PDB file of N, CA and C in Angstrom:
ATOM      1  N   UNK A   1       0.793  -1.205   0.064  1.00  0.00           N
ATOM      2  CA  UNK A   1       0.024  -0.066   0.159  1.00  0.00           C
ATOM      3  C   UNK A   1       1.117   1.096  -0.076  1.00  0.00           C
ATOM      4  N   UNK A   2       0.628   2.094  -0.805  1.00  0.00           N
ATOM      5  CA  UNK A   2       1.190   3.372  -1.079  1.00  0.00           C
ATOM      6  C   UNK A   2       1.332   4.336   0.461  1.00  0.00           C
ATOM      7  N   UNK A   3       2.272   4.756   0.588  1.00  0.00           N
ATOM      8  CA  UNK A   3       2.465   5.587   1.719  1.00  0.00           C
ATOM      9  C   UNK A   3       2.100   7.108   1.380  1.00  0.00           C
ATOM     10  N   UNK A   4       1.633   7.856   2.276  1.00  0.00           N
ATOM     11  CA  UNK A   4       1.265   9.330   2.194  1.00  0.00           C
ATOM     12  C   UNK A   4       2.215  10.020   2.825  1.00  0.00           C
ATOM     13  N   UNK A   5       2.663  11.285   2.191  1.00  0.00           N
ATOM     14  CA  UNK A   5       3.592  12.108   2.638  1.00  0.00           C
ATOM     15  C   UNK A   5       2.832  13.595   2.588  1.00  0.00           C
ATOM     16  N   UNK A   6       3.300  14.239   3.797  1.00  0.00           N
ATOM     17  CA  UNK A   6       2.750  15.480   3.777  1.00  0.00           C
ATOM     18  C   UNK A   6       3.126  16.431   2.973  1.00  0.00           C
ATOM     19  N   UNK A   7       2.465  17.441   2.536  1.00  0.00           N
ATOM     20  CA  UNK A   7       3.237  18.579   1.561  1.00  0.00           C
ATOM     21  C   UNK A   7       4.368  19.505   2.188  1.00  0.00           C
ATOM     22  N   UNK A   8       4.481  19.449   3.402  1.00  0.00           N
ATOM     23  CA  UNK A   8       5.600  20.079   4.147  1.00  0.00           C
ATOM     24  C   UNK A   8       6.606  19.072   3.663  1.00  0.00           C
ATOM     25  N   UNK A   9       6.806  17.906   3.995  1.00  0.00           N
ATOM     26  CA  UNK A   9       7.806  16.918   3.981  1.00  0.00           C
ATOM     27  C   UNK A   9       8.151  16.930   2.654  1.00  0.00           C
ATOM     28  N   UNK A  10       7.144  16.726   1.439  1.00  0.00           N
ATOM     29  CA  UNK A  10       7.569  16.798   0.233  1.00  0.00           C
ATOM     30  C   UNK A  10       8.214  18.202  -0.286  1.00  0.00           C
ATOM     31  N   UNK A  11       7.804  19.307   0.256  1.00  0.00           N
ATOM     32  CA  UNK A  11       8.657  20.557   0.042  1.00  0.00           C
ATOM     33  C   UNK A  11       9.897  20.579   0.566  1.00  0.00           C
ATOM     34  N   UNK A  12      10.060  19.969   1.846  1.00  0.00           N
ATOM     35  CA  UNK A  12      11.512  20.077   2.406  1.00  0.00           C
ATOM     36  C   UNK A  12      12.405  19.106   1.695  1.00  0.00           C
ATOM     37  N   UNK A  13      11.922  17.990   1.029  1.00  0.00           N
ATOM     38  CA  UNK A  13      12.936  17.034   0.365  1.00  0.00           C
ATOM     39  C   UNK A  13      12.954  17.655  -0.875  1.00  0.00           C
ATOM     40  N   UNK A  14      12.224  18.185  -1.576  1.00  0.00           N
ATOM     41  CA  UNK A  14      12.453  18.819  -2.931  1.00  0.00           C
ATOM     42  C   UNK A  14      13.276  20.085  -2.971  1.00  0.00           C
ATOM     43  N   UNK A  15      13.310  20.779  -1.828  1.00  0.00           N
ATOM     44  CA  UNK A  15      14.248  21.879  -1.422  1.00  0.00           C
ATOM     45  C   UNK A  15      15.890  21.277  -1.217  1.00  0.00           C
ATOM     46  N   UNK A  16      15.910  20.132  -0.587  1.00  0.00           N
ATOM     47  CA  UNK A  16      17.114  19.487  -0.423  1.00  0.00           C
ATOM     48  C   UNK A  16      17.864  19.257  -1.625  1.00  0.00           C
ATOM     49  N   UNK A  17      16.836  18.627  -2.777  1.00  0.00           N
ATOM     50  CA  UNK A  17      17.333  18.188  -3.880  1.00  0.00           C
ATOM     51  C   UNK A  17      17.620  19.323  -4.978  1.00  0.00           C
ATOM     52  N   UNK A  18      16.714  20.243  -4.798  1.00  0.00           N
ATOM     53  CA  UNK A  18      16.716  21.406  -6.028  1.00  0.00           C
ATOM     54  C   UNK A  18      17.507  22.432  -5.568  1.00  0.00           C
ATOM     55  N   UNK A  19      17.491  22.980  -4.475  1.00  0.00           N
ATOM     56  CA  UNK A  19      18.084  23.985  -4.009  1.00  0.00           C
ATOM     57  C   UNK A  19      19.450  23.759  -3.194  1.00  0.00           C
ATOM     58  N   UNK A  20      19.490  22.765  -2.409  1.00  0.00           N
ATOM     59  CA  UNK A  20      20.721  22.545  -1.923  1.00  0.00           C
ATOM     60  C   UNK A  20      21.640  21.478  -2.211  1.00  0.00           C
ATOM     61  N   UNK A  21      21.059  21.007  -3.650  1.00  0.00           N
ATOM     62  CA  UNK A  21      21.829  19.981  -4.747  1.00  0.00           C
ATOM     63  C   UNK A  21      22.386  18.770  -4.026  1.00  0.00           C
ATOM     64  N   UNK A  22      21.343  18.271  -2.858  1.00  0.00           N
ATOM     65  CA  UNK A  22      21.639  16.876  -2.485  1.00  0.00           C
ATOM     66  C   UNK A  22      21.398  16.015  -3.593  1.00  0.00           C
ATOM     67  N   UNK A  23      22.021  14.630  -3.440  1.00  0.00           N
ATOM     68  CA  UNK A  23      21.878  13.466  -4.480  1.00  0.00           C
ATOM     69  C   UNK A  23      20.345  13.259  -4.280  1.00  0.00           C
ATOM     70  N   UNK A  24      19.771  12.905  -5.361  1.00  0.00           N
ATOM     71  CA  UNK A  24      18.354  12.345  -5.374  1.00  0.00           C
ATOM     72  C   UNK A  24      18.284  10.855  -4.744  1.00  0.00           C
ATOM     73  N   UNK A  25      19.455  10.035  -5.199  1.00  0.00           N
ATOM     74  CA  UNK A  25      19.281   8.724  -4.948  1.00  0.00           C
ATOM     75  C   UNK A  25      20.084   8.541  -3.395  1.00  0.00           C
ATOM     76  N   UNK A  26      20.670   9.197  -2.825  1.00  0.00           N
ATOM     77  CA  UNK A  26      21.158   9.338  -1.358  1.00  0.00           C
ATOM     78  C   UNK A  26      20.053   9.746  -0.438  1.00  0.00           C
ATOM     79  N   UNK A  27      19.288  10.853  -0.882  1.00  0.00           N
ATOM     80  CA  UNK A  27      18.418  11.342  -0.405  1.00  0.00           C
ATOM     81  C   UNK A  27      17.088  10.404  -0.183  1.00  0.00           C
ATOM     82  N   UNK A  28      16.742   9.612  -1.367  1.00  0.00           N
ATOM     83  CA  UNK A  28      15.676   8.614  -1.219  1.00  0.00           C
ATOM     84  C   UNK A  28      16.035   7.460  -0.151  1.00  0.00           C
ATOM     85  N   UNK A  29      17.460   7.313  -0.238  1.00  0.00           N
ATOM     86  CA  UNK A  29      17.667   5.973   0.639  1.00  0.00           C
ATOM     87  C   UNK A  29      17.742   6.578   2.053  1.00  0.00           C
ATOM     88  N   UNK A  30      18.388   7.741   2.259  1.00  0.00           N
ATOM     89  CA  UNK A  30      18.289   8.254   3.812  1.00  0.00           C
ATOM     90  C   UNK A  30      16.975   8.353   4.194  1.00  0.00           C
ATOM     91  N   UNK A  31      15.918   8.811   3.381  1.00  0.00           N
ATOM     92  CA  UNK A  31      14.720   9.074   4.092  1.00  0.00           C
ATOM     93  C   UNK A  31      13.611   8.031   3.761  1.00  0.00           C
ATOM     94  N   UNK A  32      14.105   6.827   3.266  1.00  0.00           N
ATOM     95  CA  UNK A  32      13.339   5.612   2.753  1.00  0.00           C
ATOM     96  C   UNK A  32      12.037   5.975   2.011  1.00  0.00           C
ATOM     97  N   UNK A  33      12.407   6.802   0.965  1.00  0.00           N
ATOM     98  CA  UNK A  33      11.390   7.192   0.008  1.00  0.00           C
ATOM     99  C   UNK A  33      11.753   6.614  -1.431  1.00  0.00           C
ATOM    100  N   UNK A  34      10.947   6.140  -2.024  1.00  0.00           N
ATOM    101  CA  UNK A  34      11.030   5.287  -3.248  1.00  0.00           C
ATOM    102  C   UNK A  34      11.598   6.461  -4.354  1.00  0.00           C
ATOM    103  N   UNK A  35      12.828   6.090  -4.968  1.00  0.00           N
ATOM    104  CA  UNK A  35      13.274   7.039  -5.854  1.00  0.00           C
ATOM    105  C   UNK A  35      12.274   7.665  -6.890  1.00  0.00           C
ATOM    106  N   UNK A  36      11.612   6.916  -7.421  1.00  0.00           N
ATOM    107  CA  UNK A  36      10.683   7.411  -8.635  1.00  0.00           C
ATOM    108  C   UNK A  36       9.836   8.499  -7.875  1.00  0.00           C
ATOM    109  N   UNK A  37       9.451   8.283  -6.646  1.00  0.00           N
ATOM    110  CA  UNK A  37       8.448   9.169  -5.776  1.00  0.00           C
ATOM    111  C   UNK A  37       9.326  10.516  -5.787  1.00  0.00           C
ATOM    112  N   UNK A  38      10.371  10.412  -5.566  1.00  0.00           N
ATOM    113  CA  UNK A  38      11.173  11.863  -5.373  1.00  0.00           C
ATOM    114  C   UNK A  38      11.320  12.352  -6.502  1.00  0.00           C
ATOM    115  N   UNK A  39      11.530  11.604  -7.568  1.00  0.00           N
ATOM    116  CA  UNK A  39      11.493  12.237  -9.051  1.00  0.00           C
ATOM    117  C   UNK A  39      10.464  12.802  -9.483  1.00  0.00           C
ATOM    118  N   UNK A  40       9.294  12.188  -8.924  1.00  0.00           N
ATOM    119  CA  UNK A  40       8.029  12.734  -9.534  1.00  0.00           C
ATOM    120  C   UNK A  40       7.768  14.100  -8.660  1.00  0.00           C
ATOM    121  N   UNK A  41       8.132  14.353  -7.389  1.00  0.00           N
ATOM    122  CA  UNK A  41       7.948  15.371  -6.664  1.00  0.00           C
ATOM    123  C   UNK A  41       8.696  16.705  -7.417  1.00  0.00           C
ATOM    124  N   UNK A  42      10.134  16.265  -7.723  1.00  0.00           N
ATOM    125  CA  UNK A  42      10.989  17.179  -8.167  1.00  0.00           C
ATOM    126  C   UNK A  42      10.451  17.692  -9.561  1.00  0.00           C
ATOM    127  N   UNK A  43       9.990  16.677 -10.475  1.00  0.00           N
ATOM    128  CA  UNK A  43       9.289  17.228 -11.678  1.00  0.00           C
ATOM    129  C   UNK A  43       8.170  18.171 -11.298  1.00  0.00           C
ATOM    130  N   UNK A  44       7.379  17.629 -10.594  1.00  0.00           N
ATOM    131  CA  UNK A  44       6.112  18.525 -10.225  1.00  0.00           C
ATOM    132  C   UNK A  44       6.474  19.838  -9.830  1.00  0.00           C
ATOM    133  N   UNK A  45       7.494  19.963  -8.958  1.00  0.00           N
ATOM    134  CA  UNK A  45       8.074  21.405  -8.425  1.00  0.00           C
ATOM    135  C   UNK A  45       8.619  22.079  -9.574  1.00  0.00           C
ATOM    136  N   UNK A  46       9.275  21.470 -10.473  1.00  0.00           N
ATOM    137  CA  UNK A  46       9.837  22.145 -11.511  1.00  0.00           C
ATOM    138  C   UNK A  46       8.826  22.821 -12.634  1.00  0.00           C
ATOM    139  N   UNK A  47       7.654  22.199 -12.715  1.00  0.00           N
ATOM    140  CA  UNK A  47       6.618  22.582 -13.522  1.00  0.00           C
ATOM    141  C   UNK A  47       5.818  23.846 -12.810  1.00  0.00           C
ATOM    142  N   UNK A  48       5.656  23.513 -11.517  1.00  0.00           N
ATOM    143  CA  UNK A  48       4.988  24.844 -10.817  1.00  0.00           C
ATOM    144  C   UNK A  48       5.486  24.684  -9.295  1.00  0.00           C
ATOM    145  N   UNK A  49       6.192  25.747  -8.870  1.00  0.00           N
ATOM    146  CA  UNK A  49       6.864  25.791  -7.510  1.00  0.00           C
ATOM    147  C   UNK A  49       6.050  26.013  -6.356  1.00  0.00           C
ATOM    148  N   UNK A  50       4.561  26.174  -6.851  1.00  0.00           N
ATOM    149  CA  UNK A  50       3.591  26.086  -5.614  1.00  0.00           C
ATOM    150  C   UNK A  50       3.075  24.952  -5.377  1.00  0.00           C
ATOM    151  N   UNK A  51       3.347  23.921  -6.139  1.00  0.00           N
ATOM    152  CA  UNK A  51       2.505  22.654  -6.040  1.00  0.00           C
ATOM    153  C   UNK A  51       2.506  22.043  -4.738  1.00  0.00           C
ATOM    154  N   UNK A  52       3.241  22.141  -3.733  1.00  0.00           N
ATOM    155  CA  UNK A  52       3.140  21.731  -2.548  1.00  0.00           C
ATOM    156  C   UNK A  52       2.847  22.560  -1.455  1.00  0.00           C
ATOM    157  N   UNK A  53       2.360  23.988  -1.737  1.00  0.00           N
ATOM    158  CA  UNK A  53       1.787  24.779  -0.776  1.00  0.00           C
ATOM    159  C   UNK A  53       0.415  24.085  -0.382  1.00  0.00           C
ATOM    160  N   UNK A  54      -0.075  24.253   0.771  1.00  0.00           N
ATOM    161  CA  UNK A  54      -1.358  23.805   1.246  1.00  0.00           C
ATOM    162  C   UNK A  54      -2.534  24.292   0.746  1.00  0.00           C
ATOM    163  N   UNK A  55      -2.713  25.584   0.255  1.00  0.00           N
ATOM    164  CA  UNK A  55      -3.795  26.319  -0.315  1.00  0.00           C
ATOM    165  C   UNK A  55      -3.650  26.244  -1.821  1.00  0.00           C
ATOM    166  N   UNK A  56      -2.711  25.549  -2.251  1.00  0.00           N
ATOM    167  CA  UNK A  56      -2.594  25.577  -3.600  1.00  0.00           C
ATOM    168  C   UNK A  56      -3.710  24.814  -4.564  1.00  0.00           C
ATOM    169  N   UNK A  57      -4.126  25.159  -5.729  1.00  0.00           N
ATOM    170  CA  UNK A  57      -4.951  24.497  -6.270  1.00  0.00           C
ATOM    171  C   UNK A  57      -4.314  24.603  -7.804  1.00  0.00           C
ATOM    172  N   UNK A  58      -4.185  23.603  -8.478  1.00  0.00           N
ATOM    173  CA  UNK A  58      -3.769  23.487  -9.822  1.00  0.00           C
ATOM    174  C   UNK A  58      -4.729  23.997 -10.656  1.00  0.00           C
ATOM    175  N   UNK A  59      -4.363  24.423 -11.945  1.00  0.00           N
ATOM    176  CA  UNK A  59      -5.469  25.157 -12.795  1.00  0.00           C
ATOM    177  C   UNK A  59      -6.466  24.293 -13.292  1.00  0.00           C
ATOM    178  N   UNK A  60      -6.092  23.156 -13.310  1.00  0.00           N
ATOM    179  CA  UNK A  60      -7.062  22.116 -13.859  1.00  0.00           C
ATOM    180  C   UNK A  60      -8.143  22.131 -12.889  1.00  0.00           C
ATOM    181  N   UNK A  61      -7.687  21.972 -11.366  1.00  0.00           N
ATOM    182  CA  UNK A  61      -8.713  21.760 -10.288  1.00  0.00           C
ATOM    183  C   UNK A  61      -9.582  22.993 -10.257  1.00  0.00           C
ATOM    184  N   UNK A  62      -8.789  24.216 -10.213  1.00  0.00           N
ATOM    185  CA  UNK A  62      -9.737  25.472 -10.283  1.00  0.00           C
ATOM    186  C   UNK A  62     -10.854  25.574 -11.146  1.00  0.00           C
ATOM    187  N   UNK A  63     -10.362  24.924 -12.545  1.00  0.00           N
ATOM    188  CA  UNK A  63     -11.172  25.029 -13.621  1.00  0.00           C
ATOM    189  C   UNK A  63     -12.372  23.975 -13.353  1.00  0.00           C
ATOM    190  N   UNK A  64     -12.112  22.905 -12.963  1.00  0.00           N
ATOM    191  CA  UNK A  64     -13.154  21.770 -12.276  1.00  0.00           C
ATOM    192  C   UNK A  64     -14.022  22.519 -11.424  1.00  0.00           C
ATOM    193  N   UNK A  65     -13.471  23.052 -10.111  1.00  0.00           N
ATOM    194  CA  UNK A  65     -14.312  23.892  -9.136  1.00  0.00           C
ATOM    195  C   UNK A  65     -15.206  24.806  -9.906  1.00  0.00           C
ATOM    196  N   UNK A  66     -14.778  25.676 -10.639  1.00  0.00           N
ATOM    197  CA  UNK A  66     -15.542  26.747 -11.273  1.00  0.00           C
ATOM    198  C   UNK A  66     -16.627  26.214 -12.111  1.00  0.00           C
ATOM    199  N   UNK A  67     -16.571  25.180 -12.770  1.00  0.00           N
ATOM    200  CA  UNK A  67     -17.603  24.555 -13.449  1.00  0.00           C
ATOM    201  C   UNK A  67     -18.604  24.039 -12.635  1.00  0.00           C
ATOM    202  N   UNK A  68     -18.405  23.151 -11.612  1.00  0.00           N
ATOM    203  CA  UNK A  68     -19.266  22.909 -10.669  1.00  0.00           C
ATOM    204  C   UNK A  68     -20.023  24.098 -10.206  1.00  0.00           C
ATOM    205  N   UNK A  69     -19.506  25.023  -9.811  1.00  0.00           N
ATOM    206  CA  UNK A  69     -20.086  26.243  -9.130  1.00  0.00           C
ATOM    207  C   UNK A  69     -20.929  26.923 -10.062  1.00  0.00           C
ATOM    208  N   UNK A  70     -20.443  27.015 -11.661  1.00  0.00           N
ATOM    209  CA  UNK A  70     -21.010  27.477 -12.566  1.00  0.00           C
ATOM    210  C   UNK A  70     -22.568  26.648 -12.751  1.00  0.00           C
ATOM    211  N   UNK A  71     -22.443  25.434 -12.700  1.00  0.00           N
ATOM    212  CA  UNK A  71     -23.749  24.418 -13.025  1.00  0.00           C
ATOM    213  C   UNK A  71     -24.601  24.708 -11.783  1.00  0.00           C
ATOM    214  N   UNK A  72     -24.094  24.794 -10.645  1.00  0.00           N
ATOM    215  CA  UNK A  72     -25.089  24.966  -9.460  1.00  0.00           C
ATOM    216  C   UNK A  72     -25.592  26.326  -9.702  1.00  0.00           C
ATOM    217  N   UNK A  73     -25.174  27.552  -9.976  1.00  0.00           N
ATOM    218  CA  UNK A  73     -25.564  28.653 -10.260  1.00  0.00           C
ATOM    219  C   UNK A  73     -26.798  28.783 -11.264  1.00  0.00           C
ATOM    220  N   UNK A  74     -26.405  28.187 -12.423  1.00  0.00           N
ATOM    221  CA  UNK A  74     -27.353  28.002 -13.584  1.00  0.00           C
ATOM    222  C   UNK A  74     -28.471  27.330 -12.892  1.00  0.00           C
ATOM    223  N   UNK A  75     -28.492  26.128 -12.332  1.00  0.00           N
ATOM    224  CA  UNK A  75     -29.682  25.612 -11.422  1.00  0.00           C
ATOM    225  C   UNK A  75     -30.274  26.420 -10.825  1.00  0.00           C
ATOM    226  N   UNK A  76     -29.878  26.980  -9.691  1.00  0.00           N
ATOM    227  CA  UNK A  76     -30.506  28.203  -8.845  1.00  0.00           C
ATOM    228  C   UNK A  76     -31.186  29.031  -9.528  1.00  0.00           C
ATOM    229  N   UNK A  77     -30.701  29.706 -10.886  1.00  0.00           N
ATOM    230  CA  UNK A  77     -31.093  30.663 -11.676  1.00  0.00           C
ATOM    231  C   UNK A  77     -32.267  30.200 -12.277  1.00  0.00           C
ATOM    232  N   UNK A  78     -32.364  28.999 -12.858  1.00  0.00           N
ATOM    233  CA  UNK A  78     -33.529  28.396 -13.428  1.00  0.00           C
ATOM    234  C   UNK A  78     -34.640  28.194 -12.344  1.00  0.00           C
ATOM    235  N   UNK A  79     -34.313  27.691 -11.189  1.00  0.00           N
ATOM    236  CA  UNK A  79     -35.164  27.624 -10.061  1.00  0.00           C
ATOM    237  C   UNK A  79     -35.847  29.058  -9.822  1.00  0.00           C
ATOM    238  N   UNK A  80     -35.152  30.051  -9.764  1.00  0.00           N
ATOM    239  CA  UNK A  80     -35.529  31.329  -9.352  1.00  0.00           C
ATOM    240  C   UNK A  80     -36.459  31.900 -10.481  1.00  0.00           C
ATOM    241  N   UNK A  81     -36.189  31.571 -11.957  1.00  0.00           N
ATOM    242  CA  UNK A  81     -37.014  32.110 -13.028  1.00  0.00           C
ATOM    243  C   UNK A  81     -38.402  31.344 -13.060  1.00  0.00           C
ATOM    244  N   UNK A  82     -38.322  30.072 -12.509  1.00  0.00           N
ATOM    245  CA  UNK A  82     -39.682  29.393 -12.721  1.00  0.00           C
ATOM    246  C   UNK A  82     -40.613  29.945 -11.513  1.00  0.00           C
ATOM    247  N   UNK A  83     -39.910  30.099 -10.196  1.00  0.00           N
ATOM    248  CA  UNK A  83     -40.616  30.637  -9.103  1.00  0.00           C
ATOM    249  C   UNK A  83     -41.203  31.989  -9.367  1.00  0.00           C
ATOM    250  N   UNK A  84     -40.427  33.067  -9.993  1.00  0.00           N
ATOM    251  CA  UNK A  84     -40.790  34.280 -10.649  1.00  0.00           C
ATOM    252  C   UNK A  84     -42.088  34.202 -11.378  1.00  0.00           C
ATOM    253  N   UNK A  85     -42.018  33.039 -12.444  1.00  0.00           N
ATOM    254  CA  UNK A  85     -43.018  32.889 -13.367  1.00  0.00           C
ATOM    255  C   UNK A  85     -44.417  32.549 -12.653  1.00  0.00           C
ATOM    256  N   UNK A  86     -44.211  31.560 -11.771  1.00  0.00           N
ATOM    257  CA  UNK A  86     -45.571  31.180 -11.031  1.00  0.00           C
ATOM    258  C   UNK A  86     -45.921  32.028 -10.131  1.00  0.00           C
ATOM    259  N   UNK A  87     -45.305  33.039  -9.656  1.00  0.00           N
ATOM    260  CA  UNK A  87     -45.792  34.022  -8.656  1.00  0.00           C
ATOM    261  C   UNK A  87     -46.409  35.067  -9.730  1.00  0.00           C
ATOM    262  N   UNK A  88     -45.943  35.283 -10.583  1.00  0.00           N
ATOM    263  CA  UNK A  88     -46.622  36.179 -11.701  1.00  0.00           C
ATOM    264  C   UNK A  88     -47.922  35.667 -12.154  1.00  0.00           C
ATOM    265  N   UNK A  89     -48.003  34.376 -12.354  1.00  0.00           N
ATOM    266  CA  UNK A  89     -49.191  33.808 -12.984  1.00  0.00           C
ATOM    267  C   UNK A  89     -50.381  34.002 -11.763  1.00  0.00           C
ATOM    268  N   UNK A  90     -50.070  34.051 -10.631  1.00  0.00           N
ATOM    269  CA  UNK A  90     -50.975  34.081  -9.628  1.00  0.00           C
ATOM    270  C   UNK A  90     -51.558  35.364  -9.135  1.00  0.00           C
ATOM    271  N   UNK A  91     -50.598  36.269  -9.453  1.00  0.00           N
ATOM    272  CA  UNK A  91     -51.034  37.763  -9.313  1.00  0.00           C
ATOM    273  C   UNK A  91     -51.914  38.310 -10.400  1.00  0.00           C
TER     274      UNK A  91
END
C-alpha cells in the first residue's frame, strides 16, 4: 500500500534536492522514500513551484471547481426564474 507524505515533507525534500543540490538517490535512501517518488516530486516542483503549498489548487482543479459552481448557479437561476413565473401567474 502506498505511503502518504505531507506537503511540508515533500517541500522539504524537494528543497534539499533542487536548492541545496543533495543527491536524489542518497536522499531517497536516507529518507526511505522510493526514488521514483522523489523524481515525481521534483518534476512537479519544476513545473510549478507552488505545487506543495497547502492552499494551492492546480489550474485544472480550479477550472473543475468553477465548472461545478457555474452549474450550481445555473440551476439556482432556473429555479428562481420558474418561481418568479409562478408568482406572476398567481397575481
